[in-house]
Amino acid sequence: MSEKIYNMADLDTIEKLADIVAEKDLGEITIVDGGKTITVKGKKCPPPMPPMGMMPQAVPAAVTAAPAASAETPAASAAPKSQGKVIKAPLVGTFYAAPSPDQPPFVQVGDTVKKGDVVLIIESMKLMNEVTSDVDGVVQEILVKNGEAVEYDQPLMILS
């Protein structure tokens, strides 16, 4: 009979667990017996998640000057028409104009915004990321609709 490891499982048992991990294409399998634990990790073991304290809570908006307006035709309505400071999406996710569906939006067209004010939320991976303004200004245009998916660096709002 083979020797038990940590007075818990023998080498044959651990080899069988390793075979199961490989056959089933698992990340890992763990056996706990009292205060003793044996973990067998496979090739597809995911990287550890960062501690919750390391997760971003508020993401500052990227604010840049919009390019100078050229002679636009009515067909070019997809591009922002206004000049000003553009607040862009700092990450990929879902745009929300209000903290919850039953509350008013953070800002509306015509509202005055100060540097550091929360102007929108982007939900990404089940986390609500508050986006703040880096500049003072007046909201000229909101370029996306509530609940719409946004891409990284996509223009969301124009301030004057």
C-alpha atoms as a PDB file:
ATOM      1  CA  MET A   1       0.000   0.000   0.000  1.00  0.00           C
ATOM      2  CA  SER A   2       1.307   3.430  -0.834  1.00  0.00           C
ATOM      3  CA  GLU A   3       2.099   6.074   1.729  1.00  0.00           C
ATOM      4  CA  LYS A   4      -0.500   8.733   2.507  1.00  0.00           C
ATOM      5  CA  ILE A   5       0.424  12.345   1.858  1.00  0.00           C
ATOM      6  CA  TYR A   6      -0.389  14.642   4.780  1.00  0.00           C
ATOM      7  CA  ASN A   7      -2.239  11.655   6.338  1.00  0.00           C
ATOM      8  CA  MET A   8      -4.958  12.451   3.840  1.00  0.00           C
ATOM      9  CA  ALA A   9      -4.633  10.897   0.372  1.00  0.00           C
ATOM     10  CA  ASP A  10      -2.216   8.480  -1.212  1.00  0.00           C
ATOM     11  CA  LEU A  11      -0.220   9.187  -4.355  1.00  0.00           C
ATOM     12  CA  ASP A  12      -2.508   6.958  -6.462  1.00  0.00           C
ATOM     13  CA  THR A  13      -5.511   9.058  -5.453  1.00  0.00           C
ATOM     14  CA  ILE A  14      -3.711  12.285  -6.338  1.00  0.00           C
ATOM     15  CA  GLU A  15      -2.685  10.843  -9.725  1.00  0.00           C
ATOM     16  CA  LYS A  16      -6.324   9.871 -10.374  1.00  0.00           C
ATOM     17  CA  LEU A  17      -7.390  13.425  -9.512  1.00  0.00           C
ATOM     18  CA  ALA A  18      -4.780  14.795 -11.936  1.00  0.00           C
ATOM     19  CA  ASP A  19      -6.133  12.473 -14.649  1.00  0.00           C
ATOM     20  CA  ILE A  20      -9.682  13.716 -13.985  1.00  0.00           C
ATOM     21  CA  VAL A  21      -8.526  17.347 -14.226  1.00  0.00           C
ATOM     22  CA  ALA A  22      -6.809  16.593 -17.548  1.00  0.00           C
ATOM     23  CA  GLU A  23      -9.670  14.496 -18.998  1.00  0.00           C
ATOM     24  CA  LYS A  24     -12.404  16.946 -18.070  1.00  0.00           C
ATOM     25  CA  ASP A  25     -10.249  19.965 -18.999  1.00  0.00           C
ATOM     26  CA  LEU A  26     -10.775  21.495 -15.536  1.00  0.00           C
ATOM     27  CA  GLY A  27      -8.891  24.435 -14.076  1.00  0.00           C
ATOM     28  CA  GLU A  28      -8.401  22.786 -10.701  1.00  0.00           C
ATOM     29  CA  ILE A  29      -9.853  20.368  -8.164  1.00  0.00           C
ATOM     30  CA  THR A  30      -9.522  20.708  -4.380  1.00  0.00           C
ATOM     31  CA  ILE A  31      -9.979  18.158  -1.596  1.00  0.00           C
ATOM     32  CA  VAL A  32     -10.455  19.376   1.969  1.00  0.00           C
ATOM     33  CA  ASP A  33     -10.229  17.085   4.970  1.00  0.00           C
ATOM     34  CA  GLY A  34     -10.525  18.973   8.230  1.00  0.00           C
ATOM     35  CA  GLY A  35      -7.794  21.599   8.198  1.00  0.00           C
ATOM     36  CA  LYS A  36      -5.828  19.917   5.394  1.00  0.00           C
ATOM     37  CA  THR A  37      -6.254  20.818   1.734  1.00  0.00           C
ATOM     38  CA  ILE A  38      -4.867  19.338  -1.481  1.00  0.00           C
ATOM     39  CA  THR A  39      -5.352  21.216  -4.762  1.00  0.00           C
ATOM     40  CA  VAL A  40      -4.512  19.778  -8.186  1.00  0.00           C
ATOM     41  CA  LYS A  41      -4.334  22.482 -10.859  1.00  0.00           C
ATOM     42  CA  GLY A  42      -4.686  21.881 -14.579  1.00  0.00           C
ATOM     43  CA  LYS A  43      -3.339  23.772 -17.573  1.00  0.00           C
ATOM     44  CA  LYS A  44      -6.435  25.960 -17.838  1.00  0.00           C
ATOM     45  CA  CYS A  45      -6.302  27.297 -14.299  1.00  0.00           C
ATOM     46  CA  PRO A  46      -7.508  30.934 -14.442  1.00  0.00           C
ATOM     47  CA  PRO A  47      -5.301  33.672 -12.983  1.00  0.00           C
ATOM     48  CA  PRO A  48      -6.236  34.767  -9.457  1.00  0.00           C
ATOM     49  CA  MET A  49      -8.655  37.673  -9.135  1.00  0.00           C
ATOM     50  CA  PRO A  50      -7.324  40.884  -7.590  1.00  0.00           C
ATOM     51  CA  PRO A  51      -8.565  41.684  -4.072  1.00  0.00           C
ATOM     52  CA  MET A  52     -11.774  43.716  -3.970  1.00  0.00           C
ATOM     53  CA  GLY A  53      -9.899  46.713  -2.599  1.00  0.00           C
ATOM     54  CA  MET A  54      -7.897  46.820  -5.828  1.00  0.00           C
ATOM     55  CA  MET A  55     -10.978  47.166  -8.083  1.00  0.00           C
ATOM     56  CA  PRO A  56     -11.510  50.624  -9.629  1.00  0.00           C
ATOM     57  CA  GLN A  57     -14.439  52.553  -8.180  1.00  0.00           C
ATOM     58  CA  ALA A  58     -14.427  55.731 -10.225  1.00  0.00           C
ATOM     59  CA  VAL A  59     -12.850  56.090 -13.626  1.00  0.00           C
ATOM     60  CA  PRO A  60     -11.985  59.637 -14.737  1.00  0.00           C
ATOM     61  CA  ALA A  61     -13.190  60.573 -18.183  1.00  0.00           C
ATOM     62  CA  ALA A  62     -10.774  61.166 -21.006  1.00  0.00           C
ATOM     63  CA  VAL A  63     -11.371  64.732 -22.067  1.00  0.00           C
ATOM     64  CA  THR A  64      -9.891  66.105 -25.259  1.00  0.00           C
ATOM     65  CA  ALA A  65     -10.597  68.962 -27.578  1.00  0.00           C
ATOM     66  CA  ALA A  66     -12.822  68.043 -30.514  1.00  0.00           C
ATOM     67  CA  PRO A  67     -11.403  68.521 -34.017  1.00  0.00           C
ATOM     68  CA  ALA A  68     -12.299  71.761 -35.759  1.00  0.00           C
ATOM     69  CA  ALA A  69     -15.636  71.524 -37.552  1.00  0.00           C
ATOM     70  CA  SER A  70     -15.398  71.301 -41.302  1.00  0.00           C
ATOM     71  CA  ALA A  71     -18.104  72.069 -43.814  1.00  0.00           C
ATOM     72  CA  GLU A  72     -20.593  69.327 -42.988  1.00  0.00           C
ATOM     73  CA  THR A  73     -23.418  68.061 -45.107  1.00  0.00           C
ATOM     74  CA  PRO A  74     -26.731  66.934 -43.625  1.00  0.00           C
ATOM     75  CA  ALA A  75     -25.718  63.311 -44.324  1.00  0.00           C
ATOM     76  CA  ALA A  76     -22.790  63.654 -41.896  1.00  0.00           C
ATOM     77  CA  SER A  77     -25.145  63.773 -38.895  1.00  0.00           C
ATOM     78  CA  ALA A  78     -23.497  60.676 -37.328  1.00  0.00           C
ATOM     79  CA  ALA A  79     -20.405  62.712 -36.439  1.00  0.00           C
ATOM     80  CA  PRO A  80     -20.625  65.172 -33.540  1.00  0.00           C
ATOM     81  CA  LYS A  81     -21.623  68.583 -34.918  1.00  0.00           C
ATOM     82  CA  SER A  82     -20.552  70.656 -31.945  1.00  0.00           C
ATOM     83  CA  GLN A  83     -17.158  71.910 -30.984  1.00  0.00           C
ATOM     84  CA  GLY A  84     -16.033  71.620 -27.404  1.00  0.00           C
ATOM     85  CA  LYS A  85     -14.528  69.255 -24.907  1.00  0.00           C
ATOM     86  CA  VAL A  86     -15.383  65.611 -25.588  1.00  0.00           C
ATOM     87  CA  ILE A  87     -15.897  63.138 -22.761  1.00  0.00           C
ATOM     88  CA  LYS A  88     -14.930  59.723 -24.081  1.00  0.00           C
ATOM     89  CA  ALA A  89     -15.599  56.251 -22.700  1.00  0.00           C
ATOM     90  CA  PRO A  90     -12.664  55.188 -20.502  1.00  0.00           C
ATOM     91  CA  LEU A  91     -13.684  51.514 -20.851  1.00  0.00           C
ATOM     92  CA  VAL A  92     -16.009  49.168 -22.738  1.00  0.00           C
ATOM     93  CA  GLY A  93     -19.423  48.638 -21.193  1.00  0.00           C
ATOM     94  CA  THR A  94     -23.002  49.884 -20.983  1.00  0.00           C
ATOM     95  CA  PHE A  95     -23.769  53.616 -20.705  1.00  0.00           C
ATOM     96  CA  TYR A  96     -26.164  54.732 -17.968  1.00  0.00           C
ATOM     97  CA  ALA A  97     -27.213  58.356 -17.620  1.00  0.00           C
ATOM     98  CA  ALA A  98     -28.633  57.947 -14.096  1.00  0.00           C
ATOM     99  CA  PRO A  99     -27.603  56.156 -10.896  1.00  0.00           C
ATOM    100  CA  SER A 100     -30.730  53.964 -11.138  1.00  0.00           C
ATOM    101  CA  PRO A 101     -33.787  53.724 -13.443  1.00  0.00           C
ATOM    102  CA  ASP A 102     -36.031  55.549 -10.964  1.00  0.00           C
ATOM    103  CA  GLN A 103     -33.696  58.530 -10.484  1.00  0.00           C
ATOM    104  CA  PRO A 104     -33.075  61.540 -12.732  1.00  0.00           C
ATOM    105  CA  PRO A 105     -29.996  61.582 -15.011  1.00  0.00           C
ATOM    106  CA  PHE A 106     -26.698  62.945 -13.702  1.00  0.00           C
ATOM    107  CA  VAL A 107     -26.704  65.645 -16.396  1.00  0.00           C
ATOM    108  CA  GLN A 108     -28.893  66.854 -19.253  1.00  0.00           C
ATOM    109  CA  VAL A 109     -28.229  69.098 -22.229  1.00  0.00           C
ATOM    110  CA  GLY A 110     -27.781  72.648 -20.910  1.00  0.00           C
ATOM    111  CA  ASP A 111     -26.580  71.626 -17.430  1.00  0.00           C
ATOM    112  CA  THR A 112     -23.417  73.184 -16.018  1.00  0.00           C
ATOM    113  CA  VAL A 113     -20.748  70.652 -15.034  1.00  0.00           C
ATOM    114  CA  LYS A 114     -17.786  71.261 -12.742  1.00  0.00           C
ATOM    115  CA  LYS A 115     -14.511  69.369 -12.756  1.00  0.00           C
ATOM    116  CA  GLY A 116     -14.942  66.192 -10.685  1.00  0.00           C
ATOM    117  CA  ASP A 117     -18.733  65.959 -11.118  1.00  0.00           C
ATOM    118  CA  VAL A 118     -20.088  62.517 -11.978  1.00  0.00           C
ATOM    119  CA  VAL A 119     -21.628  62.783 -15.455  1.00  0.00           C
ATOM    120  CA  LEU A 120     -22.467  59.141 -16.240  1.00  0.00           C
ATOM    121  CA  ILE A 121     -21.934  55.501 -15.297  1.00  0.00           C
ATOM    122  CA  ILE A 122     -20.444  52.735 -17.396  1.00  0.00           C
ATOM    123  CA  GLU A 123     -21.278  49.222 -16.274  1.00  0.00           C
ATOM    124  CA  SER A 124     -18.513  46.793 -17.098  1.00  0.00           C
ATOM    125  CA  MET A 125     -18.294  43.214 -15.808  1.00  0.00           C
ATOM    126  CA  LYS A 126     -21.122  43.856 -13.304  1.00  0.00           C
ATOM    127  CA  LEU A 127     -19.251  46.837 -11.804  1.00  0.00           C
ATOM    128  CA  MET A 128     -20.705  50.335 -11.940  1.00  0.00           C
ATOM    129  CA  ASN A 129     -17.911  52.776 -12.831  1.00  0.00           C
ATOM    130  CA  GLU A 130     -18.665  56.447 -12.227  1.00  0.00           C
ATOM    131  CA  VAL A 131     -17.192  58.684 -14.929  1.00  0.00           C
ATOM    132  CA  THR A 132     -16.309  62.196 -13.827  1.00  0.00           C
ATOM    133  CA  SER A 133     -15.658  65.338 -15.815  1.00  0.00           C
ATOM    134  CA  ASP A 134     -12.065  66.559 -16.013  1.00  0.00           C
ATOM    135  CA  VAL A 135     -13.149  70.105 -16.906  1.00  0.00           C
ATOM    136  CA  ASP A 136     -15.801  72.717 -16.194  1.00  0.00           C
ATOM    137  CA  GLY A 137     -18.379  73.317 -18.913  1.00  0.00           C
ATOM    138  CA  VAL A 138     -21.957  73.190 -20.134  1.00  0.00           C
ATOM    139  CA  VAL A 139     -23.391  69.999 -21.617  1.00  0.00           C
ATOM    140  CA  GLN A 140     -23.956  70.703 -25.326  1.00  0.00           C
ATOM    141  CA  GLU A 141     -24.769  67.223 -26.536  1.00  0.00           C
ATOM    142  CA  ILE A 142     -25.149  63.663 -25.224  1.00  0.00           C
ATOM    143  CA  LEU A 143     -24.112  61.335 -28.032  1.00  0.00           C
ATOM    144  CA  VAL A 144     -25.382  57.974 -26.717  1.00  0.00           C
ATOM    145  CA  LYS A 145     -28.682  56.678 -25.381  1.00  0.00           C
ATOM    146  CA  ASN A 146     -29.266  55.244 -21.925  1.00  0.00           C
ATOM    147  CA  GLY A 147     -28.541  51.497 -21.839  1.00  0.00           C
ATOM    148  CA  GLU A 148     -26.497  51.587 -25.046  1.00  0.00           C
ATOM    149  CA  ALA A 149     -23.249  49.622 -25.358  1.00  0.00           C
ATOM    150  CA  VAL A 150     -20.156  51.807 -25.694  1.00  0.00           C
ATOM    151  CA  GLU A 151     -16.615  51.111 -26.861  1.00  0.00           C
ATOM    152  CA  TYR A 152     -13.335  52.308 -25.372  1.00  0.00           C
ATOM    153  CA  ASP A 153     -12.542  55.913 -26.414  1.00  0.00           C
ATOM    154  CA  GLN A 154     -16.008  56.419 -27.950  1.00  0.00           C
ATOM    155  CA  PRO A 155     -17.244  60.029 -27.654  1.00  0.00           C
ATOM    156  CA  LEU A 156     -20.128  60.124 -25.170  1.00  0.00           C
ATOM    157  CA  MET A 157     -20.732  63.756 -24.351  1.00  0.00           C
ATOM    158  CA  ILE A 158     -19.672  67.220 -25.537  1.00  0.00           C
ATOM    159  CA  LEU A 159     -19.140  70.124 -23.152  1.00  0.00           C
ATOM    160  CA  SER A 160     -18.606  73.744 -24.172  1.00  0.00           C
END
